[in-house]
Amino acid sequence: MKSDLKNISFYTLLDYCSDVRSPNWESAWCVFVERYYPFLYAKAESVCRRWNISRLKLQLKDTAKMIVDDVFETLYKDDCKALREFRERENEKLFRYWLSILCSRAASRFIKKHLPKFFVEQSGDIEDFGAHLPYYQSWEIYEHLVHLLRNSLKTQSQSLERNIQIFMLRSWADFSSRMVLAHPCLEGLSEHNVDVIKFRLVKAFSSSD
């Protein structure tokens, strides 16, 4: 049956793949994987390079494969709901673009999952990671790190926001303790205080999800 479906149209392939009750469902997915796995894998590798996966001490090929697996899990989820809801079923070019977006989202989830561990391993020094990211990706990761710290330290409300900003200046922006203390709002703190804050917040990452 698979060979009979090999040359089916894009529209029909999506119909079969998105209908779990179809007798052609399994065979159609075999064709789908043949058609789109190489595209997804190449896209995942490209995304991994943009996200500087190697700086997180992760293997490029293994990471790309896990990202593609994540994309397929999204496509399979809830009886292929995502595929059923894709409306432009005559436009394969737009479909490939949509798959590219899913790849980028999967890569973002992967990075966010592994970043806290990397942060701890590097003792909070990951300025080299963020410096090589495009602005919109750097800002996304920055916000995610702040979110993790707020969740991990939510019981420590006193000076929390100040400490997070000190930490991000030291770890993300690579400010020295002296540069951080140049801010007039931090008058009264010492370089030792800044180093202690950094140390404590690095430990907070070890308990973050």
C-alpha atoms as a PDB file:
ATOM      1  CA  MET A   1       0.000   0.000   0.000  1.00  0.00           C
ATOM      2  CA  LYS A   2       2.881   2.354   0.765  1.00  0.00           C
ATOM      3  CA  SER A   3       4.164   2.138  -2.815  1.00  0.00           C
ATOM      4  CA  ASP A   4       0.664   2.968  -4.076  1.00  0.00           C
ATOM      5  CA  LEU A   5       0.696   6.181  -2.040  1.00  0.00           C
ATOM      6  CA  LYS A   6       4.217   7.276  -2.876  1.00  0.00           C
ATOM      7  CA  ASN A   7       3.133   9.737  -5.557  1.00  0.00           C
ATOM      8  CA  ILE A   8      -0.096  10.986  -3.996  1.00  0.00           C
ATOM      9  CA  SER A   9      -0.759  14.687  -3.914  1.00  0.00           C
ATOM     10  CA  PHE A  10       0.151  16.899  -1.006  1.00  0.00           C
ATOM     11  CA  TYR A  11      -3.533  17.573  -0.313  1.00  0.00           C
ATOM     12  CA  THR A  12      -4.412  13.859  -0.187  1.00  0.00           C
ATOM     13  CA  LEU A  13      -1.385  13.023   1.925  1.00  0.00           C
ATOM     14  CA  LEU A  14      -2.432  15.545   4.576  1.00  0.00           C
ATOM     15  CA  ASP A  15      -5.977  14.198   4.514  1.00  0.00           C
ATOM     16  CA  TYR A  16      -4.807  10.629   5.099  1.00  0.00           C
ATOM     17  CA  CYS A  17      -2.253  11.585   7.760  1.00  0.00           C
ATOM     18  CA  SER A  18      -4.711  13.690   9.729  1.00  0.00           C
ATOM     19  CA  ASP A  19      -7.449  11.019   9.802  1.00  0.00           C
ATOM     20  CA  VAL A  20      -6.471   8.256  12.237  1.00  0.00           C
ATOM     21  CA  ARG A  21      -9.511   6.242  11.113  1.00  0.00           C
ATOM     22  CA  SER A  22      -8.355   6.130   7.511  1.00  0.00           C
ATOM     23  CA  PRO A  23      -7.198   2.687   6.298  1.00  0.00           C
ATOM     24  CA  ASN A  24      -4.339   4.571   4.626  1.00  0.00           C
ATOM     25  CA  TRP A  25      -3.211   6.338   7.805  1.00  0.00           C
ATOM     26  CA  GLU A  26      -0.107   4.272   8.620  1.00  0.00           C
ATOM     27  CA  SER A  27       1.045   4.027   5.014  1.00  0.00           C
ATOM     28  CA  ALA A  28       0.463   7.734   4.495  1.00  0.00           C
ATOM     29  CA  TRP A  29       2.654   8.532   7.507  1.00  0.00           C
ATOM     30  CA  CYS A  30       5.452   6.418   6.046  1.00  0.00           C
ATOM     31  CA  VAL A  31       5.260   8.561   2.917  1.00  0.00           C
ATOM     32  CA  PHE A  32       5.070  11.728   5.024  1.00  0.00           C
ATOM     33  CA  VAL A  33       8.260  10.774   6.877  1.00  0.00           C
ATOM     34  CA  GLU A  34      10.060  10.039   3.601  1.00  0.00           C
ATOM     35  CA  ARG A  35       9.038  13.389   2.162  1.00  0.00           C
ATOM     36  CA  TYR A  36       9.524  15.675   5.131  1.00  0.00           C
ATOM     37  CA  TYR A  37      11.989  14.087   7.562  1.00  0.00           C
ATOM     38  CA  PRO A  38      15.072  15.197   5.525  1.00  0.00           C
ATOM     39  CA  PHE A  39      13.617  18.718   5.289  1.00  0.00           C
ATOM     40  CA  LEU A  40      12.881  18.824   9.026  1.00  0.00           C
ATOM     41  CA  TYR A  41      16.283  17.431   9.951  1.00  0.00           C
ATOM     42  CA  ALA A  42      18.102  19.991   7.792  1.00  0.00           C
ATOM     43  CA  LYS A  43      15.989  22.746   9.314  1.00  0.00           C
ATOM     44  CA  ALA A  44      16.679  21.465  12.836  1.00  0.00           C
ATOM     45  CA  GLU A  45      20.434  21.427  12.178  1.00  0.00           C
ATOM     46  CA  SER A  46      20.241  24.989  10.902  1.00  0.00           C
ATOM     47  CA  VAL A  47      18.291  26.096  13.969  1.00  0.00           C
ATOM     48  CA  CYS A  48      20.778  24.335  16.260  1.00  0.00           C
ATOM     49  CA  ARG A  49      23.643  26.255  14.685  1.00  0.00           C
ATOM     50  CA  ARG A  50      21.804  29.554  15.121  1.00  0.00           C
ATOM     51  CA  TRP A  51      21.095  28.701  18.750  1.00  0.00           C
ATOM     52  CA  ASN A  52      24.758  27.779  19.362  1.00  0.00           C
ATOM     53  CA  ILE A  53      23.921  24.261  20.542  1.00  0.00           C
ATOM     54  CA  SER A  54      27.608  23.364  20.702  1.00  0.00           C
ATOM     55  CA  ARG A  55      28.126  26.035  23.366  1.00  0.00           C
ATOM     56  CA  LEU A  56      25.800  24.031  25.606  1.00  0.00           C
ATOM     57  CA  LYS A  57      28.085  21.004  25.127  1.00  0.00           C
ATOM     58  CA  LEU A  58      25.387  19.159  23.179  1.00  0.00           C
ATOM     59  CA  GLN A  59      25.981  17.062  20.069  1.00  0.00           C
ATOM     60  CA  LEU A  60      24.564  18.737  16.977  1.00  0.00           C
ATOM     61  CA  LYS A  61      23.280  15.603  15.204  1.00  0.00           C
ATOM     62  CA  ASP A  62      21.737  14.074  18.323  1.00  0.00           C
ATOM     63  CA  THR A  63      20.105  17.352  19.245  1.00  0.00           C
ATOM     64  CA  ALA A  64      18.723  17.855  15.731  1.00  0.00           C
ATOM     65  CA  LYS A  65      17.210  14.369  15.819  1.00  0.00           C
ATOM     66  CA  MET A  66      15.564  15.033  19.200  1.00  0.00           C
ATOM     67  CA  ILE A  67      14.142  18.298  17.887  1.00  0.00           C
ATOM     68  CA  VAL A  68      12.681  16.549  14.838  1.00  0.00           C
ATOM     69  CA  ASP A  69      11.213  13.859  17.113  1.00  0.00           C
ATOM     70  CA  ASP A  70       9.599  16.661  19.130  1.00  0.00           C
ATOM     71  CA  VAL A  71       8.075  18.090  15.940  1.00  0.00           C
ATOM     72  CA  PHE A  72       6.615  14.699  15.027  1.00  0.00           C
ATOM     73  CA  GLU A  73       5.210  14.335  18.536  1.00  0.00           C
ATOM     74  CA  THR A  74       3.461  17.673  17.996  1.00  0.00           C
ATOM     75  CA  LEU A  75       2.062  16.438  14.691  1.00  0.00           C
ATOM     76  CA  TYR A  76       0.863  13.136  16.205  1.00  0.00           C
ATOM     77  CA  LYS A  77      -0.591  14.659  19.361  1.00  0.00           C
ATOM     78  CA  ASP A  78      -4.345  14.407  19.969  1.00  0.00           C
ATOM     79  CA  ASP A  79      -4.932  12.241  16.913  1.00  0.00           C
ATOM     80  CA  CYS A  80      -3.000  14.600  14.639  1.00  0.00           C
ATOM     81  CA  LYS A  81      -4.931  17.686  15.677  1.00  0.00           C
ATOM     82  CA  ALA A  82      -2.237  20.059  14.423  1.00  0.00           C
ATOM     83  CA  LEU A  83      -2.409  18.558  10.934  1.00  0.00           C
ATOM     84  CA  ARG A  84      -6.194  18.618  10.916  1.00  0.00           C
ATOM     85  CA  GLU A  85      -6.164  22.296  11.789  1.00  0.00           C
ATOM     86  CA  PHE A  86      -3.710  23.247   9.041  1.00  0.00           C
ATOM     87  CA  ARG A  87      -6.037  24.979   6.576  1.00  0.00           C
ATOM     88  CA  GLU A  88      -3.858  25.805   3.570  1.00  0.00           C
ATOM     89  CA  ARG A  89      -4.000  22.263   2.248  1.00  0.00           C
ATOM     90  CA  GLU A  90      -3.274  23.292  -1.331  1.00  0.00           C
ATOM     91  CA  ASN A  91      -0.127  25.205  -0.417  1.00  0.00           C
ATOM     92  CA  GLU A  92       2.847  22.939   0.269  1.00  0.00           C
ATOM     93  CA  LYS A  93       5.251  25.885   0.372  1.00  0.00           C
ATOM     94  CA  LEU A  94       3.293  27.383   3.253  1.00  0.00           C
ATOM     95  CA  PHE A  95       3.186  23.956   4.914  1.00  0.00           C
ATOM     96  CA  ARG A  96       6.974  23.725   4.833  1.00  0.00           C
ATOM     97  CA  TYR A  97       7.173  27.186   6.343  1.00  0.00           C
ATOM     98  CA  TRP A  98       4.819  26.044   9.113  1.00  0.00           C
ATOM     99  CA  LEU A  99       7.031  23.007   9.752  1.00  0.00           C
ATOM    100  CA  SER A 100       9.989  25.382  10.024  1.00  0.00           C
ATOM    101  CA  ILE A 101       8.157  27.323  12.730  1.00  0.00           C
ATOM    102  CA  LEU A 102       7.478  24.080  14.616  1.00  0.00           C
ATOM    103  CA  CYS A 103      11.214  23.297  14.402  1.00  0.00           C
ATOM    104  CA  SER A 104      12.161  26.666  15.848  1.00  0.00           C
ATOM    105  CA  ARG A 105       9.693  26.237  18.703  1.00  0.00           C
ATOM    106  CA  ALA A 106      10.959  22.717  19.430  1.00  0.00           C
ATOM    107  CA  ALA A 107      14.558  24.003  19.464  1.00  0.00           C
ATOM    108  CA  SER A 108      13.560  26.777  21.867  1.00  0.00           C
ATOM    109  CA  ARG A 109      11.958  24.248  24.226  1.00  0.00           C
ATOM    110  CA  PHE A 110      15.061  22.074  24.035  1.00  0.00           C
ATOM    111  CA  ILE A 111      17.407  24.963  24.801  1.00  0.00           C
ATOM    112  CA  LYS A 112      15.308  26.126  27.735  1.00  0.00           C
ATOM    113  CA  LYS A 113      15.246  22.607  29.160  1.00  0.00           C
ATOM    114  CA  HIS A 114      19.045  22.237  29.113  1.00  0.00           C
ATOM    115  CA  LEU A 115      20.129  25.796  29.853  1.00  0.00           C
ATOM    116  CA  PRO A 116      19.781  25.687  33.676  1.00  0.00           C
ATOM    117  CA  LYS A 117      22.104  22.664  33.934  1.00  0.00           C
ATOM    118  CA  PHE A 118      24.622  24.403  31.691  1.00  0.00           C
ATOM    119  CA  PHE A 119      24.350  27.524  33.820  1.00  0.00           C
ATOM    120  CA  VAL A 120      25.303  25.539  36.923  1.00  0.00           C
ATOM    121  CA  GLU A 121      28.169  23.763  35.151  1.00  0.00           C
ATOM    122  CA  GLN A 122      29.565  27.096  33.992  1.00  0.00           C
ATOM    123  CA  SER A 123      29.113  28.694  37.435  1.00  0.00           C
ATOM    124  CA  GLY A 124      26.798  31.221  35.834  1.00  0.00           C
ATOM    125  CA  ASP A 125      29.241  32.394  33.193  1.00  0.00           C
ATOM    126  CA  ILE A 126      27.372  32.067  29.904  1.00  0.00           C
ATOM    127  CA  GLU A 127      27.953  35.471  28.383  1.00  0.00           C
ATOM    128  CA  ASP A 128      29.643  33.792  25.420  1.00  0.00           C
ATOM    129  CA  PHE A 129      26.456  31.865  24.708  1.00  0.00           C
ATOM    130  CA  GLY A 130      24.150  34.856  24.642  1.00  0.00           C
ATOM    131  CA  ALA A 131      26.572  37.117  22.791  1.00  0.00           C
ATOM    132  CA  HIS A 132      26.417  35.016  19.632  1.00  0.00           C
ATOM    133  CA  LEU A 133      22.624  34.796  19.402  1.00  0.00           C
ATOM    134  CA  PRO A 134      20.464  37.037  17.226  1.00  0.00           C
ATOM    135  CA  TYR A 135      18.767  39.755  19.267  1.00  0.00           C
ATOM    136  CA  TYR A 136      15.286  38.198  19.324  1.00  0.00           C
ATOM    137  CA  GLN A 137      16.654  34.811  20.474  1.00  0.00           C
ATOM    138  CA  SER A 138      18.951  36.383  23.052  1.00  0.00           C
ATOM    139  CA  TRP A 139      16.034  38.331  24.499  1.00  0.00           C
ATOM    140  CA  GLU A 140      13.844  35.191  24.605  1.00  0.00           C
ATOM    141  CA  ILE A 141      16.497  33.265  26.535  1.00  0.00           C
ATOM    142  CA  TYR A 142      17.100  36.232  28.852  1.00  0.00           C
ATOM    143  CA  GLU A 143      13.406  36.401  29.730  1.00  0.00           C
ATOM    144  CA  HIS A 144      13.284  32.648  30.287  1.00  0.00           C
ATOM    145  CA  LEU A 145      16.222  32.765  32.697  1.00  0.00           C
ATOM    146  CA  VAL A 146      14.617  35.593  34.660  1.00  0.00           C
ATOM    147  CA  HIS A 147      11.368  33.607  34.791  1.00  0.00           C
ATOM    148  CA  LEU A 148      13.203  30.549  36.161  1.00  0.00           C
ATOM    149  CA  LEU A 149      14.911  32.628  38.833  1.00  0.00           C
ATOM    150  CA  ARG A 150      11.660  34.275  39.919  1.00  0.00           C
ATOM    151  CA  ASN A 151      10.000  30.874  40.266  1.00  0.00           C
ATOM    152  CA  SER A 152      12.937  29.338  42.125  1.00  0.00           C
ATOM    153  CA  LEU A 153      13.312  32.266  44.511  1.00  0.00           C
ATOM    154  CA  LYS A 154       9.693  33.397  44.885  1.00  0.00           C
ATOM    155  CA  THR A 155       9.805  32.842  48.652  1.00  0.00           C
ATOM    156  CA  GLN A 156      12.719  35.284  48.886  1.00  0.00           C
ATOM    157  CA  SER A 157      10.836  38.440  48.024  1.00  0.00           C
ATOM    158  CA  GLN A 158      13.241  40.871  49.690  1.00  0.00           C
ATOM    159  CA  SER A 159      15.560  42.406  47.072  1.00  0.00           C
ATOM    160  CA  LEU A 160      14.700  39.598  44.619  1.00  0.00           C
ATOM    161  CA  GLU A 161      14.385  41.787  41.525  1.00  0.00           C
ATOM    162  CA  ARG A 162      17.556  43.678  42.429  1.00  0.00           C
ATOM    163  CA  ASN A 163      19.477  40.421  42.879  1.00  0.00           C
ATOM    164  CA  ILE A 164      18.194  39.010  39.585  1.00  0.00           C
ATOM    165  CA  GLN A 165      19.315  42.119  37.724  1.00  0.00           C
ATOM    166  CA  ILE A 166      22.728  41.976  39.395  1.00  0.00           C
ATOM    167  CA  PHE A 167      23.015  38.321  38.466  1.00  0.00           C
ATOM    168  CA  MET A 168      22.053  38.856  34.822  1.00  0.00           C
ATOM    169  CA  LEU A 169      24.492  41.737  34.477  1.00  0.00           C
ATOM    170  CA  ARG A 170      27.303  39.550  35.838  1.00  0.00           C
ATOM    171  CA  SER A 171      26.430  36.319  34.053  1.00  0.00           C
ATOM    172  CA  TRP A 172      24.657  37.316  30.865  1.00  0.00           C
ATOM    173  CA  ALA A 173      26.170  40.706  30.064  1.00  0.00           C
ATOM    174  CA  ASP A 174      29.624  39.858  31.473  1.00  0.00           C
ATOM    175  CA  PHE A 175      29.818  42.961  33.667  1.00  0.00           C
ATOM    176  CA  SER A 176      32.522  42.857  36.307  1.00  0.00           C
ATOM    177  CA  SER A 177      31.433  43.359  39.914  1.00  0.00           C
ATOM    178  CA  ARG A 178      32.909  46.856  39.785  1.00  0.00           C
ATOM    179  CA  MET A 179      30.912  47.701  36.641  1.00  0.00           C
ATOM    180  CA  VAL A 180      27.719  46.445  38.277  1.00  0.00           C
ATOM    181  CA  LEU A 181      28.333  48.585  41.349  1.00  0.00           C
ATOM    182  CA  ALA A 182      28.717  51.691  39.196  1.00  0.00           C
ATOM    183  CA  HIS A 183      24.916  51.827  39.071  1.00  0.00           C
ATOM    184  CA  PRO A 184      23.750  54.477  41.588  1.00  0.00           C
ATOM    185  CA  CYS A 185      20.882  52.262  42.779  1.00  0.00           C
ATOM    186  CA  LEU A 186      23.381  49.752  44.158  1.00  0.00           C
ATOM    187  CA  GLU A 187      25.160  52.135  46.471  1.00  0.00           C
ATOM    188  CA  GLY A 188      26.184  50.418  49.689  1.00  0.00           C
ATOM    189  CA  LEU A 189      26.912  47.022  48.164  1.00  0.00           C
ATOM    190  CA  SER A 190      30.449  45.662  47.871  1.00  0.00           C
ATOM    191  CA  GLU A 191      32.059  43.520  45.193  1.00  0.00           C
ATOM    192  CA  HIS A 192      31.881  40.642  47.665  1.00  0.00           C
ATOM    193  CA  ASN A 193      28.110  41.162  47.953  1.00  0.00           C
ATOM    194  CA  VAL A 194      27.780  40.959  44.174  1.00  0.00           C
ATOM    195  CA  ASP A 195      29.809  37.753  44.020  1.00  0.00           C
ATOM    196  CA  VAL A 196      27.722  36.189  46.793  1.00  0.00           C
ATOM    197  CA  ILE A 197      24.500  37.107  44.983  1.00  0.00           C
ATOM    198  CA  LYS A 198      25.801  35.498  41.814  1.00  0.00           C
ATOM    199  CA  PHE A 199      26.799  32.327  43.681  1.00  0.00           C
ATOM    200  CA  ARG A 200      23.406  32.019  45.385  1.00  0.00           C
ATOM    201  CA  LEU A 201      21.446  32.498  42.188  1.00  0.00           C
ATOM    202  CA  VAL A 202      23.541  29.957  40.308  1.00  0.00           C
ATOM    203  CA  LYS A 203      22.522  27.474  42.998  1.00  0.00           C
ATOM    204  CA  ALA A 204      18.901  28.400  42.360  1.00  0.00           C
ATOM    205  CA  PHE A 205      19.199  27.042  38.818  1.00  0.00           C
ATOM    206  CA  SER A 206      20.057  23.609  40.158  1.00  0.00           C
ATOM    207  CA  SER A 207      16.566  23.390  41.637  1.00  0.00           C
ATOM    208  CA  SER A 208      14.703  24.852  38.629  1.00  0.00           C
ATOM    209  CA  ASP A 209      12.627  22.644  36.305  1.00  0.00           C
END
